[in-house]
Amino acid sequence: MAFQRIEHTVDFCVVGGGLAGMCAAIAAARGGSRVALIQDRPVLGGNASSEIRMWVCGADGHNNRETGLIEEIQLASLWRNPDKNYSIWDGILYEKVRFEKNITLLLNCSVCDAVVEDGKIVSVTGWQTTTQKWHTVRADYFADFSGDSVLAPITGADFRVGREAASEFGEKTSQETEDRQTMGMSCLIQLRKSDRITEYIPPEWAMKMTPEVIKLRKPHMEHSSENFWYMELGGNRDSIGDTEELRDELVAMAYGMVDYIKNSGEVADGPYWELEFLGFLPGKRESRRMMGAYLMTQNDVLSGGEFEDTVAFGGWPLDDHHPDGFYHAGNPNVWGRTPAPYGIPYRSLYSRNVSNLFFAGRNISMTHAAMSSARVMATCALLGEAVGEAANTAREFSLSPQGVYDEKLALLQERLMEHGCFLPRFSRSIADVCRNAALTGEAENLSILRNGIDRNNHTYGEEDHSVLLPLGKAVTYTFDAPVKLENIHFAFDSDLDRETLPGDSCERRHSMRANRTAESPTMCMPKTLVKGYRVTGVTESGETVVLAETERNLLQCVNIPAGGSYRAVSFIPLTTWNSEETDTVRVFSFDVR
């Protein structure tokens, strides 16, 4: 009997369920597109999932934390997962996709074929291992978030692999000739410190950590930042074709590292550490990179990326890992600061030769040197959300990805900012109905609430773009005559630098942790964030109606559909996540359109 074949017809097909693919699928679905998300693993999150456990890193620097959907996810984890449990984290990621209206989720499904006609993808087909069924997805638009760019070889999309010669783009690297070497991959370990000594017997095939091998890779178990990222191999081999063999070597290395920690006598309190997790799925840093309408270079990163088509931003250092990985005799990586935040252009997010193909994540159109900064997952999540908004805009106006750039770029950027995404140096447009309304309340500088800037950041200057509002007191827009409103927008203070969270800077910065001790802190919601609020409107007849009310806000960016005509709209902040210690709250934006 032949295996069953299932067909799906959607507007937008997302291949790959890491953070970038998740954010693309959610953004497009919330915009009204029918979406299929195909993921070849049983869990979502990619490198951030419980299978791999790499940290969600992003732009360095003050007030540079990524917002939009990735902030929504990480705030949900602070609320639901204060002890940073990976099983709960997996569930949060699953919930965000599985229960989002308009998304069909296909887990354990690996795309292996595609139909392409006249330079346009018609469908993709994947094999689902759990059901032993073939799934074919037909769509108007496709996006590759697979990391390895699986759609490139099966659709004919142009791509690159490896490092460019410095002379090709005038980049500041030591690479004199191009090659196919990349950064490597890692199988991570996590340990838990116990109050008793436990025995560890390594397998016979575990790698022996000799003094020569370990001297530049010694673990620092006393630091919360120790996550063993440097246990890395494969950059000097085929980062796709050799993955299985590399996994075997990485697992042997991981067991050997545990042996060194537990039994060498070189690690303080080593016998008290217990192995809690060892990943058998390598986390990759680099493989194929798609070629788009624009190829972003290291020079673009270092100049600040001031693109007219900025749709996301980066700010992680230029963090280039040596292809020899763990066996490299020198430092495992080269670290160079970037002018965070720098813009990333929309033109790097769609194919130059396959007309309906988007991509985002570590595989966007950029050089190896640029990718060494833009590859981290919080940045990739922003890129994914930008693609999701672009795909939805393309559907709405029957445009190609290039057509969105040609005709609807400003609209795309406006929608991203309205949904909480920060675009450096850009601000949201404010409707005349809001700008011309009377704005009253018991606070100073209320006009800041309608300046279209949703956070403090040095790209907007050094001035404060927030207003300190008293709890329980209304801020009100009053209109000369009843006006029909579509949306009420808020930007709250979610403590982007996470200064109100417990623990050291590493604990506060990351959603999850590597090693666990009795002193590992229990996290909390940012104390600066609005917790309870009420929004009311005065109708044409003079009746006051509640438009929205919550006692447990978990969002930095809130959009409330108005859906009516009003003489006035009021916002009353009621509590913060630190209400017992404050009677005010900081708000960046409250505006209407």
Protein backbone atom coordinates (compact mmCIF):
# COMPACT_ATOMS: atom_id res chain seq x y z
CA MET A 1 0.00 0.00 0.00
CA ALA A 2 1.35 3.42 -0.97
CA PHE A 3 1.92 6.00 1.71
CA GLN A 4 -0.88 8.53 2.10
CA ARG A 5 -0.43 11.94 0.48
CA ILE A 6 -1.94 15.02 2.10
CA GLU A 7 -2.29 18.34 0.27
CA HIS A 8 -2.53 21.77 1.88
CA THR A 9 -3.27 25.06 0.14
CA VAL A 10 -2.26 28.23 1.96
CA ASP A 11 -1.10 31.76 1.26
CA PHE A 12 2.33 31.47 2.86
CA CYS A 13 4.49 28.40 3.49
CA VAL A 14 7.24 28.63 6.11
CA VAL A 15 9.94 25.95 6.02
CA GLY A 16 11.78 25.76 9.35
CA GLY A 17 10.47 26.28 12.87
CA GLY A 18 13.30 28.04 14.66
CA LEU A 19 12.64 31.43 16.21
CA ALA A 20 12.85 33.14 12.81
CA GLY A 21 10.33 30.78 11.20
CA MET A 22 8.04 30.98 14.22
CA CYS A 23 7.99 34.78 14.16
CA ALA A 24 7.36 34.83 10.40
CA ALA A 25 4.45 32.41 10.69
CA ILE A 26 2.87 34.24 13.63
CA ALA A 27 3.24 37.68 12.04
CA ALA A 28 1.70 36.57 8.74
CA ALA A 29 -1.10 34.66 10.46
CA ARG A 30 -2.04 37.58 12.68
CA GLY A 31 -2.17 39.72 9.56
CA GLY A 32 -4.78 37.43 8.00
CA SER A 33 -2.69 35.05 5.88
CA ARG A 34 -3.28 31.30 5.89
CA VAL A 35 0.08 29.84 6.90
CA ALA A 36 1.69 26.40 6.92
CA LEU A 37 4.78 25.99 9.09
CA ILE A 38 6.85 22.88 8.32
CA GLN A 39 9.39 21.86 10.97
CA ASP A 40 11.60 18.76 10.74
CA ARG A 41 11.88 18.35 14.52
CA PRO A 42 9.31 17.45 17.23
CA VAL A 43 9.82 20.80 18.96
CA LEU A 44 10.01 24.41 17.85
CA GLY A 45 12.75 26.92 18.50
CA GLY A 46 15.64 25.46 16.49
CA ASN A 47 18.92 26.23 18.21
CA ALA A 48 16.98 27.67 21.17
CA SER A 49 14.95 24.50 21.74
CA SER A 50 15.52 21.86 24.41
CA GLU A 51 17.21 19.66 21.79
CA ILE A 52 20.15 22.08 21.32
CA ARG A 53 19.95 24.77 24.06
CA MET A 54 21.90 27.65 22.60
CA TRP A 55 21.13 31.01 24.19
CA VAL A 56 18.95 33.60 22.48
CA CYS A 57 21.46 36.38 21.95
CA GLY A 58 21.02 39.70 20.20
CA ALA A 59 22.30 43.25 19.96
CA ASP A 60 24.77 44.42 22.58
CA GLY A 61 24.45 47.80 24.22
CA HIS A 62 22.09 49.96 26.27
CA ASN A 63 18.40 49.82 25.29
CA ASN A 64 19.17 47.64 22.26
CA ARG A 65 17.09 44.60 23.25
CA GLU A 66 14.91 43.28 20.43
CA THR A 67 11.17 43.88 20.74
CA GLY A 68 8.19 42.70 18.69
CA LEU A 69 7.34 39.01 18.78
CA ILE A 70 10.63 37.90 20.33
CA GLU A 71 10.02 40.18 23.32
CA GLU A 72 6.47 38.82 23.57
CA ILE A 73 7.88 35.29 23.75
CA GLN A 74 10.58 36.13 26.28
CA LEU A 75 8.19 38.05 28.55
CA ALA A 76 5.83 35.08 28.47
CA SER A 77 8.71 32.90 29.61
CA LEU A 78 9.54 35.23 32.50
CA TRP A 79 5.92 34.89 33.66
CA ARG A 80 5.38 31.18 33.04
CA ASN A 81 8.91 29.88 33.43
CA PRO A 82 10.71 31.78 36.23
CA ASP A 83 13.07 28.85 36.92
CA LYS A 84 14.10 28.58 33.27
CA ASN A 85 12.91 25.03 32.70
CA TYR A 86 13.43 23.85 29.12
CA SER A 87 10.30 21.68 29.09
CA ILE A 88 8.19 24.72 29.93
CA TRP A 89 10.11 26.82 27.38
CA ASP A 90 9.34 24.24 24.67
CA GLY A 91 5.67 24.42 25.60
CA ILE A 92 5.59 28.21 25.35
CA LEU A 93 7.10 28.09 21.86
CA TYR A 94 4.69 25.32 20.83
CA GLU A 95 1.69 27.22 22.18
CA LYS A 96 2.58 30.41 20.33
CA VAL A 97 2.36 28.59 17.00
CA ARG A 98 -0.02 25.68 17.54
CA PHE A 99 -2.85 27.80 18.91
CA GLU A 100 -2.42 30.78 16.60
CA LYS A 101 -5.41 31.12 14.31
CA ASN A 102 -4.53 30.60 10.62
CA ILE A 103 -1.42 28.41 11.18
CA THR A 104 -1.24 24.75 10.12
CA LEU A 105 1.70 23.24 12.01
CA LEU A 106 3.49 20.20 10.52
CA LEU A 107 6.06 18.87 12.99
CA ASN A 108 8.51 16.01 12.28
CA CYS A 109 8.18 16.84 8.59
CA SER A 110 11.28 17.23 6.43
CA VAL A 111 10.96 19.05 3.10
CA CYS A 112 12.73 17.13 0.37
CA ASP A 113 11.14 18.16 -2.93
CA ALA A 114 9.66 21.18 -4.68
CA VAL A 115 7.88 22.07 -7.89
CA VAL A 116 9.17 25.21 -9.60
CA GLU A 117 7.64 26.72 -12.73
CA ASP A 118 8.96 29.78 -14.55
CA GLY A 119 11.21 30.77 -11.65
CA LYS A 120 8.41 30.53 -9.09
CA ILE A 121 7.79 27.86 -6.45
CA VAL A 122 4.44 26.13 -6.85
CA SER A 123 4.67 23.63 -4.00
CA VAL A 124 6.98 21.84 -1.59
CA THR A 125 6.69 18.28 -0.31
CA GLY A 126 7.90 16.81 2.95
CA TRP A 127 7.96 13.40 4.64
CA GLN A 128 6.46 13.23 8.13
CA THR A 129 8.26 10.52 10.08
CA THR A 130 5.66 10.09 12.83
CA THR A 131 2.67 9.48 10.53
CA GLN A 132 4.53 8.10 7.51
CA LYS A 133 2.68 10.52 5.27
CA TRP A 134 3.74 12.81 2.46
CA HIS A 135 2.62 16.43 2.90
CA THR A 136 2.50 18.74 -0.11
CA VAL A 137 1.96 22.44 0.54
CA ARG A 138 0.86 24.74 -2.27
CA ALA A 139 1.21 28.47 -1.63
CA ASP A 140 1.64 31.82 -3.29
CA TYR A 141 4.71 32.63 -1.18
CA PHE A 142 7.40 30.49 0.43
CA ALA A 143 10.10 31.22 2.97
CA ASP A 144 13.21 29.27 3.92
CA PHE A 145 14.00 29.41 7.64
CA SER A 146 15.67 26.02 7.70
CA GLY A 147 19.12 27.34 8.60
CA ASP A 148 20.74 25.08 6.02
CA SER A 149 18.65 26.68 3.21
CA VAL A 150 17.11 23.37 2.18
CA LEU A 151 15.03 25.10 -0.51
CA ALA A 152 18.14 26.34 -2.34
CA PRO A 153 19.22 23.04 -3.96
CA ILE A 154 15.65 21.88 -4.69
CA THR A 155 14.40 25.15 -6.20
CA GLY A 156 17.53 26.45 -7.92
CA ALA A 157 17.74 29.52 -5.69
CA ASP A 158 21.17 31.15 -5.80
CA PHE A 159 23.31 30.72 -2.70
CA ARG A 160 26.86 30.92 -1.36
CA VAL A 161 28.90 28.79 1.02
CA GLY A 162 32.08 29.78 2.83
CA ARG A 163 34.28 32.82 3.30
CA GLU A 164 34.81 35.57 0.76
CA ALA A 165 38.23 36.97 -0.06
CA ALA A 166 38.73 40.33 1.63
CA SER A 167 39.31 41.91 -1.76
CA GLU A 168 35.87 40.96 -3.15
CA PHE A 169 33.99 43.50 -1.04
CA GLY A 170 36.84 45.35 0.65
CA GLU A 171 36.05 43.78 4.02
CA LYS A 172 38.38 44.07 7.00
CA THR A 173 39.22 40.39 7.34
CA SER A 174 42.42 38.38 7.09
CA GLN A 175 40.92 36.15 4.41
CA GLU A 176 43.11 36.57 1.31
CA THR A 177 41.40 33.93 -0.83
CA GLU A 178 37.84 32.65 -0.82
CA ASP A 179 37.12 29.15 0.43
CA ARG A 180 34.21 26.94 1.49
CA GLN A 181 35.08 26.90 5.18
CA THR A 182 32.49 28.01 7.71
CA MET A 183 31.95 28.29 11.43
CA GLY A 184 31.37 24.96 13.11
CA MET A 185 28.62 23.30 15.13
CA SER A 186 28.27 22.32 18.77
CA CYS A 187 26.64 19.64 20.91
CA LEU A 188 26.17 21.38 24.23
CA ILE A 189 26.18 20.06 27.77
CA GLN A 190 24.54 21.36 30.94
CA LEU A 191 25.38 20.43 34.51
CA ARG A 192 23.75 20.84 37.91
CA LYS A 193 25.71 21.39 41.12
CA SER A 194 24.72 18.99 43.87
CA ASP A 195 25.38 19.02 47.61
CA ARG A 196 27.01 15.60 47.39
CA ILE A 197 29.82 14.01 45.43
CA THR A 198 28.69 11.72 42.62
CA GLU A 199 30.71 9.31 40.55
CA TYR A 200 31.05 9.70 36.81
CA ILE A 201 32.36 6.90 34.63
CA PRO A 202 32.90 8.13 31.07
CA PRO A 203 32.30 5.82 28.12
CA GLU A 204 35.44 4.24 26.73
CA TRP A 205 35.05 6.19 23.52
CA ALA A 206 34.90 9.60 25.26
CA MET A 207 37.57 12.05 24.14
CA LYS A 208 40.44 12.48 26.61
CA MET A 209 41.03 16.13 27.47
CA THR A 210 44.81 16.38 27.47
CA PRO A 211 46.52 19.50 28.85
CA GLU A 212 47.45 20.53 25.30
CA VAL A 213 43.89 20.23 24.05
CA ILE A 214 42.18 21.85 27.03
CA LYS A 215 44.56 24.75 27.68
CA LEU A 216 42.56 27.32 25.70
CA ARG A 217 39.16 25.75 26.43
CA LYS A 218 39.15 25.30 30.18
CA PRO A 219 35.60 25.42 31.61
CA HIS A 220 34.75 28.07 34.19
CA MET A 221 32.00 26.46 36.22
CA GLU A 222 31.96 29.35 38.68
CA HIS A 223 30.58 31.67 35.95
CA SER A 224 26.91 31.70 34.94
CA SER A 225 28.12 32.49 31.40
CA GLU A 226 29.75 29.06 30.97
CA ASN A 227 27.71 27.30 28.28
CA PHE A 228 30.45 25.35 26.44
CA TRP A 229 29.90 27.08 23.08
CA TYR A 230 33.57 26.45 22.21
CA MET A 231 33.03 22.67 21.94
CA GLU A 232 32.80 23.19 18.20
CA LEU A 233 33.77 21.22 15.10
CA GLY A 234 33.04 21.08 11.40
CA GLY A 235 33.93 24.45 9.96
CA ASN A 236 36.78 22.89 7.99
CA ARG A 237 34.50 20.18 6.61
CA ASP A 238 31.07 20.01 4.96
CA SER A 239 28.76 21.63 7.51
CA ILE A 240 25.77 19.80 5.99
CA GLY A 241 27.06 16.59 4.43
CA ASP A 242 29.33 15.64 7.35
CA THR A 243 26.87 16.41 10.15
CA GLU A 244 26.35 12.81 11.28
CA GLU A 245 30.07 12.09 11.58
CA LEU A 246 30.63 15.41 13.30
CA ARG A 247 27.84 14.63 15.75
CA ASP A 248 29.69 11.46 16.76
CA GLU A 249 32.86 13.42 17.40
CA LEU A 250 31.05 16.19 19.26
CA VAL A 251 29.26 13.74 21.55
CA ALA A 252 32.58 12.04 22.37
CA MET A 253 34.02 15.47 23.08
CA ALA A 254 31.08 16.35 25.34
CA TYR A 255 31.43 13.20 27.43
CA GLY A 256 35.15 13.92 27.63
CA MET A 257 34.50 17.44 28.90
CA VAL A 258 32.26 16.08 31.64
CA ASP A 259 35.06 13.64 32.56
CA TYR A 260 37.48 16.56 32.81
CA ILE A 261 35.13 18.56 35.03
CA LYS A 262 34.31 15.63 37.32
CA ASN A 263 37.54 13.65 37.48
CA SER A 264 40.57 15.74 36.52
CA GLY A 265 40.95 17.57 39.81
CA GLU A 266 41.48 20.78 37.80
CA VAL A 267 37.95 22.15 38.30
CA ALA A 268 36.93 23.53 41.70
CA ASP A 269 34.09 21.45 43.21
CA GLY A 270 34.19 19.31 40.08
CA PRO A 271 32.98 16.11 41.80
CA TYR A 272 29.82 17.94 42.93
CA TRP A 273 28.69 18.72 39.38
CA GLU A 274 26.25 16.28 37.74
CA LEU A 275 25.53 15.95 34.04
CA GLU A 276 21.94 17.08 33.43
CA PHE A 277 21.83 17.36 29.62
CA LEU A 278 23.94 16.39 26.61
CA GLY A 279 22.65 17.34 23.18
CA PHE A 280 22.80 14.82 20.35
CA LEU A 281 21.55 17.32 17.77
CA PRO A 282 24.34 19.72 16.75
CA GLY A 283 23.58 23.40 16.83
CA LYS A 284 24.87 24.92 13.60
CA ARG A 285 26.23 28.39 13.07
CA GLU A 286 26.71 28.51 9.32
CA SER A 287 26.07 26.64 6.08
CA ARG A 288 24.36 27.92 2.91
CA ARG A 289 23.52 31.61 2.59
CA MET A 290 20.88 32.66 0.06
CA MET A 291 21.54 35.40 -2.48
CA GLY A 292 19.02 38.23 -2.51
CA ALA A 293 18.43 41.53 -4.22
CA TYR A 294 21.17 42.97 -2.00
CA LEU A 295 24.21 41.30 -0.44
CA MET A 296 24.94 42.79 2.96
CA THR A 297 28.64 43.08 3.82
CA GLN A 298 30.81 43.69 6.86
CA ASN A 299 31.19 47.28 5.64
CA ASP A 300 27.43 47.76 5.93
CA VAL A 301 27.57 46.47 9.49
CA LEU A 302 30.47 48.71 10.50
CA SER A 303 28.93 51.80 8.90
CA GLY A 304 25.71 51.36 10.91
CA GLY A 305 23.49 49.93 8.19
CA GLU A 306 21.60 53.12 7.47
CA PHE A 307 19.39 51.61 4.74
CA GLU A 308 16.25 53.23 3.43
CA ASP A 309 14.70 49.74 3.48
CA THR A 310 15.70 48.83 7.06
CA VAL A 311 13.29 46.23 8.45
CA ALA A 312 15.34 44.81 11.33
CA PHE A 313 18.54 45.46 13.20
CA GLY A 314 21.62 43.71 14.53
CA GLY A 315 24.24 44.54 17.08
CA TRP A 316 26.01 41.37 18.18
CA PRO A 317 29.79 41.70 17.75
CA LEU A 318 31.58 40.46 14.66
CA ASP A 319 32.04 37.04 16.23
CA ASP A 320 33.85 34.85 13.72
CA HIS A 321 34.71 31.32 14.90
CA HIS A 322 37.78 29.58 13.50
CA PRO A 323 36.89 26.69 11.12
CA ASP A 324 39.13 24.30 13.10
CA GLY A 325 36.95 24.88 16.15
CA PHE A 326 38.04 23.09 19.31
CA TYR A 327 41.31 21.98 17.73
CA HIS A 328 42.43 25.46 16.68
CA ALA A 329 45.68 26.29 18.49
CA GLY A 330 44.68 29.93 19.04
CA ASN A 331 41.61 31.68 20.36
CA PRO A 332 38.38 29.99 19.29
CA ASN A 333 36.90 33.19 17.88
CA VAL A 334 37.74 36.71 16.73
CA TRP A 335 35.64 39.38 18.42
CA GLY A 336 35.00 42.85 16.97
CA ARG A 337 32.56 45.49 18.16
CA THR A 338 29.75 46.74 15.93
CA PRO A 339 27.96 50.11 16.00
CA ALA A 340 24.88 48.57 17.61
CA PRO A 341 22.19 48.89 16.50
CA TYR A 342 22.80 48.69 12.77
CA GLY A 343 20.02 48.34 10.20
CA ILE A 344 19.43 45.27 8.03
CA PRO A 345 17.77 45.83 4.62
CA TYR A 346 14.62 44.17 3.34
CA ARG A 347 16.36 43.49 0.00
CA SER A 348 18.54 40.88 1.74
CA LEU A 349 15.45 38.83 2.67
CA TYR A 350 14.19 37.58 -0.70
CA SER A 351 15.70 35.64 -3.57
CA ARG A 352 17.22 37.32 -6.58
CA ASN A 353 16.18 34.54 -8.95
CA VAL A 354 13.16 32.74 -7.42
CA SER A 355 10.40 35.32 -7.55
CA ASN A 356 8.23 34.20 -4.59
CA LEU A 357 10.91 33.03 -2.16
CA PHE A 358 11.71 34.81 1.10
CA PHE A 359 14.31 33.77 3.66
CA ALA A 360 15.47 34.89 7.10
CA GLY A 361 17.77 33.72 9.84
CA ARG A 362 21.46 32.95 9.50
CA ASN A 363 20.91 32.24 5.79
CA ILE A 364 20.01 35.74 4.57
CA SER A 365 21.86 37.43 1.73
CA MET A 366 25.12 38.52 3.37
CA THR A 367 28.80 37.76 3.36
CA HIS A 368 30.42 35.40 5.84
CA ALA A 369 31.92 38.37 7.70
CA ALA A 370 28.55 40.14 8.05
CA MET A 371 26.91 36.87 9.07
CA SER A 372 29.33 36.52 12.00
CA SER A 373 27.29 39.28 13.66
CA ALA A 374 23.77 38.93 12.22
CA ARG A 375 23.45 35.16 12.80
CA VAL A 376 22.35 35.27 16.46
CA MET A 377 18.80 34.21 17.24
CA ALA A 378 17.20 37.40 18.54
CA THR A 379 18.34 39.13 15.35
CA CYS A 380 17.04 36.20 13.30
CA ALA A 381 13.67 36.48 15.06
CA LEU A 382 13.40 40.13 13.95
CA LEU A 383 14.24 39.10 10.38
CA GLY A 384 11.55 36.43 10.55
CA GLU A 385 8.91 38.87 11.75
CA ALA A 386 9.87 41.25 8.93
CA VAL A 387 9.40 38.46 6.37
CA GLY A 388 6.04 37.50 7.89
CA GLU A 389 4.81 41.08 7.61
CA ALA A 390 6.19 41.31 4.07
CA ALA A 391 4.50 38.09 2.99
CA ASN A 392 1.20 39.32 4.39
CA THR A 393 1.62 42.66 2.61
CA ALA A 394 2.47 40.87 -0.63
CA ARG A 395 -0.69 38.76 -0.35
CA GLU A 396 -2.87 41.75 0.46
CA PHE A 397 -1.73 43.72 -2.60
CA SER A 398 -0.94 40.79 -4.96
CA LEU A 399 2.74 41.69 -5.13
CA SER A 400 5.99 39.75 -5.36
CA PRO A 401 8.59 40.21 -2.61
CA GLN A 402 10.35 42.64 -4.94
CA GLY A 403 7.02 44.37 -5.54
CA VAL A 404 6.66 45.03 -1.82
CA TYR A 405 10.01 46.82 -1.94
CA ASP A 406 9.02 48.78 -5.04
CA GLU A 407 5.51 49.78 -3.94
CA LYS A 408 4.81 49.15 -0.24
CA LEU A 409 8.09 49.53 1.62
CA ALA A 410 6.87 52.40 3.83
CA LEU A 411 3.73 50.45 4.71
CA LEU A 412 5.79 47.39 5.62
CA GLN A 413 8.00 49.45 7.91
CA GLU A 414 5.00 51.15 9.49
CA ARG A 415 3.33 47.83 10.23
CA LEU A 416 6.49 46.43 11.80
CA MET A 417 6.82 49.43 14.10
CA GLU A 418 3.14 49.36 15.00
CA HIS A 419 3.59 45.76 16.12
CA GLY A 420 6.48 46.67 18.38
CA CYS A 421 9.53 46.23 16.15
CA PHE A 422 12.26 48.80 16.59
CA LEU A 423 13.74 50.14 13.35
CA PRO A 424 16.77 52.30 14.24
CA ARG A 425 16.32 55.98 13.30
CA PHE A 426 12.73 55.39 12.12
CA SER A 427 9.59 56.46 13.97
CA ARG A 428 5.93 55.64 13.49
CA SER A 429 3.69 58.11 11.69
CA ILE A 430 1.00 59.69 13.87
CA ALA A 431 -2.48 60.21 12.43
CA ASP A 432 -3.82 63.76 12.23
CA VAL A 433 -6.81 62.77 14.36
CA CYS A 434 -4.37 61.96 17.17
CA ARG A 435 -2.01 64.87 16.60
CA ASN A 436 -4.85 67.41 16.60
CA ALA A 437 -6.73 66.05 19.61
CA ALA A 438 -6.57 67.62 23.06
CA LEU A 439 -4.38 65.47 25.33
CA THR A 440 -4.86 65.86 29.08
CA GLY A 441 -3.69 64.14 32.25
CA GLU A 442 -1.77 64.59 35.49
CA ALA A 443 1.75 64.30 34.08
CA GLU A 444 4.34 66.47 32.39
CA ASN A 445 5.33 66.35 28.72
CA LEU A 446 2.28 64.33 27.65
CA SER A 447 2.96 65.20 23.99
CA ILE A 448 5.81 62.67 24.08
CA LEU A 449 3.15 59.93 24.10
CA ARG A 450 2.31 60.77 20.48
CA ASN A 451 5.75 61.39 18.99
CA GLY A 452 5.92 57.94 17.31
CA ILE A 453 9.01 56.80 19.25
CA ASP A 454 8.39 53.67 21.30
CA ARG A 455 11.62 53.42 23.32
CA ASN A 456 14.75 55.22 24.37
CA ASN A 457 17.75 54.56 22.14
CA HIS A 458 20.82 56.57 21.21
CA THR A 459 19.73 56.63 17.54
CA TYR A 460 16.93 59.00 18.69
CA GLY A 461 19.30 61.18 20.71
CA GLU A 462 19.90 61.26 24.44
CA GLU A 463 16.52 62.68 25.50
CA ASP A 464 13.95 60.59 27.35
CA HIS A 465 11.05 59.53 25.14
CA SER A 466 8.83 58.29 27.96
CA VAL A 467 6.31 59.88 30.29
CA LEU A 468 5.93 59.08 34.00
CA LEU A 469 2.21 58.54 34.61
CA PRO A 470 0.53 58.34 38.03
CA LEU A 471 -1.26 55.05 38.66
CA GLY A 472 -5.04 55.29 38.78
CA LYS A 473 -5.15 58.59 36.87
CA ALA A 474 -6.50 58.89 33.34
CA VAL A 475 -4.72 60.24 30.29
CA THR A 476 -7.35 61.34 27.77
CA TYR A 477 -7.62 62.26 24.10
CA THR A 478 -10.63 64.50 23.46
CA PHE A 479 -11.75 65.16 19.90
CA ASP A 480 -13.59 68.21 18.53
CA ALA A 481 -16.23 65.89 17.09
CA PRO A 482 -16.84 62.13 17.20
CA VAL A 483 -14.18 60.33 15.15
CA LYS A 484 -14.02 56.77 13.86
CA LEU A 485 -10.97 55.03 15.29
CA GLU A 486 -9.30 51.83 14.11
CA ASN A 487 -6.53 51.22 16.63
CA ILE A 488 -5.16 52.33 19.99
CA HIS A 489 -1.42 51.81 20.33
CA PHE A 490 0.69 51.51 23.50
CA ALA A 491 4.40 51.03 24.07
CA PHE A 492 5.21 50.16 27.68
CA ASP A 493 8.54 49.96 29.50
CA SER A 494 9.56 46.28 29.66
CA ASP A 495 12.97 47.13 31.13
CA LEU A 496 14.96 46.40 27.98
CA ASP A 497 18.21 46.21 29.92
CA ARG A 498 16.54 43.84 32.44
CA GLU A 499 17.92 45.81 35.38
CA THR A 500 14.94 44.92 37.62
CA LEU A 501 15.46 41.16 37.29
CA PRO A 502 17.47 39.13 39.82
CA GLY A 503 20.89 37.58 39.27
CA ASP A 504 23.97 38.72 37.41
CA SER A 505 23.97 40.25 33.95
CA CYS A 506 24.12 36.86 32.24
CA GLU A 507 21.09 35.57 34.14
CA ARG A 508 19.11 38.75 33.48
CA ARG A 509 19.98 38.85 29.80
CA HIS A 510 19.06 35.31 28.76
CA SER A 511 15.70 33.56 28.77
CA MET A 512 17.32 30.24 29.69
CA ARG A 513 20.40 29.15 31.65
CA ALA A 514 23.15 26.61 31.09
CA ASN A 515 24.33 25.20 34.40
CA ARG A 516 22.23 25.16 37.54
CA THR A 517 23.22 25.71 41.18
CA ALA A 518 21.30 26.15 44.42
CA GLU A 519 21.92 29.90 44.04
CA SER A 520 20.40 30.15 40.54
CA PRO A 521 17.78 32.90 40.86
CA THR A 522 14.05 32.62 40.30
CA MET A 523 13.17 35.22 37.71
CA CYS A 524 10.28 37.69 37.72
CA MET A 525 8.49 40.02 35.35
CA PRO A 526 10.22 43.37 34.70
CA LYS A 527 9.11 45.64 37.51
CA THR A 528 8.79 48.63 35.18
CA LEU A 529 6.08 47.03 33.04
CA VAL A 530 2.42 48.03 33.26
CA LYS A 531 0.53 45.12 34.82
CA GLY A 532 -3.07 46.32 35.05
CA TYR A 533 -4.77 48.97 32.94
CA ARG A 534 -8.13 50.10 31.61
CA VAL A 535 -8.95 51.80 28.30
CA THR A 536 -12.29 53.54 27.92
CA GLY A 537 -14.06 55.45 25.20
CA VAL A 538 -16.86 58.02 25.18
CA THR A 539 -19.31 57.17 22.38
CA GLU A 540 -21.23 59.60 20.18
CA SER A 541 -24.17 59.34 22.59
CA GLY A 542 -21.96 60.23 25.56
CA GLU A 543 -21.81 56.74 27.05
CA THR A 544 -18.51 55.63 28.56
CA VAL A 545 -17.57 52.10 27.48
CA VAL A 546 -14.63 49.90 28.42
CA LEU A 547 -12.57 49.09 25.31
CA ALA A 548 -9.96 46.97 27.08
CA GLU A 549 -9.09 45.97 30.62
CA THR A 550 -6.58 43.56 32.12
CA GLU A 551 -5.08 42.76 35.49
CA ARG A 552 -2.13 40.86 34.00
CA ASN A 553 -0.47 42.51 31.05
CA LEU A 554 2.52 40.57 29.68
CA LEU A 555 3.21 42.71 26.61
CA GLN A 556 5.58 45.56 25.83
CA CYS A 557 3.57 46.56 22.74
CA VAL A 558 -0.25 46.56 22.83
CA ASN A 559 -2.64 47.33 19.98
CA ILE A 560 -6.35 47.53 20.80
CA PRO A 561 -8.87 47.49 17.93
CA ALA A 562 -11.18 50.45 18.51
CA GLY A 563 -13.96 49.63 16.05
CA GLY A 564 -16.23 52.63 16.57
CA SER A 565 -16.69 56.38 16.78
CA TYR A 566 -15.67 58.20 19.95
CA ARG A 567 -15.65 61.67 21.46
CA ALA A 568 -12.78 60.76 23.78
CA VAL A 569 -10.47 57.87 24.64
CA SER A 570 -8.81 57.42 28.04
CA PHE A 571 -5.99 55.23 29.36
CA ILE A 572 -5.78 54.49 33.07
CA PRO A 573 -2.68 52.60 34.25
CA LEU A 574 -3.69 50.72 37.40
CA THR A 575 -0.72 48.65 38.55
CA THR A 576 2.81 47.70 37.61
CA TRP A 577 4.70 44.48 38.32
CA ASN A 578 6.23 46.47 41.20
CA SER A 579 3.07 48.22 42.42
CA GLU A 580 3.83 47.71 46.10
CA GLU A 581 6.84 50.00 45.73
CA THR A 582 5.69 52.64 43.25
CA ASP A 583 2.75 54.88 42.42
CA THR A 584 3.87 55.77 38.89
CA VAL A 585 4.69 53.93 35.67
CA ARG A 586 6.77 54.85 32.64
CA VAL A 587 4.97 54.75 29.26
CA PHE A 588 6.51 55.52 25.88
CA SER A 589 3.48 55.70 23.61
CA PHE A 590 -0.30 56.06 23.77
CA ASP A 591 -1.75 57.15 20.45
CA VAL A 592 -4.78 56.49 18.26
CA ARG A 593 -5.61 56.29 14.61
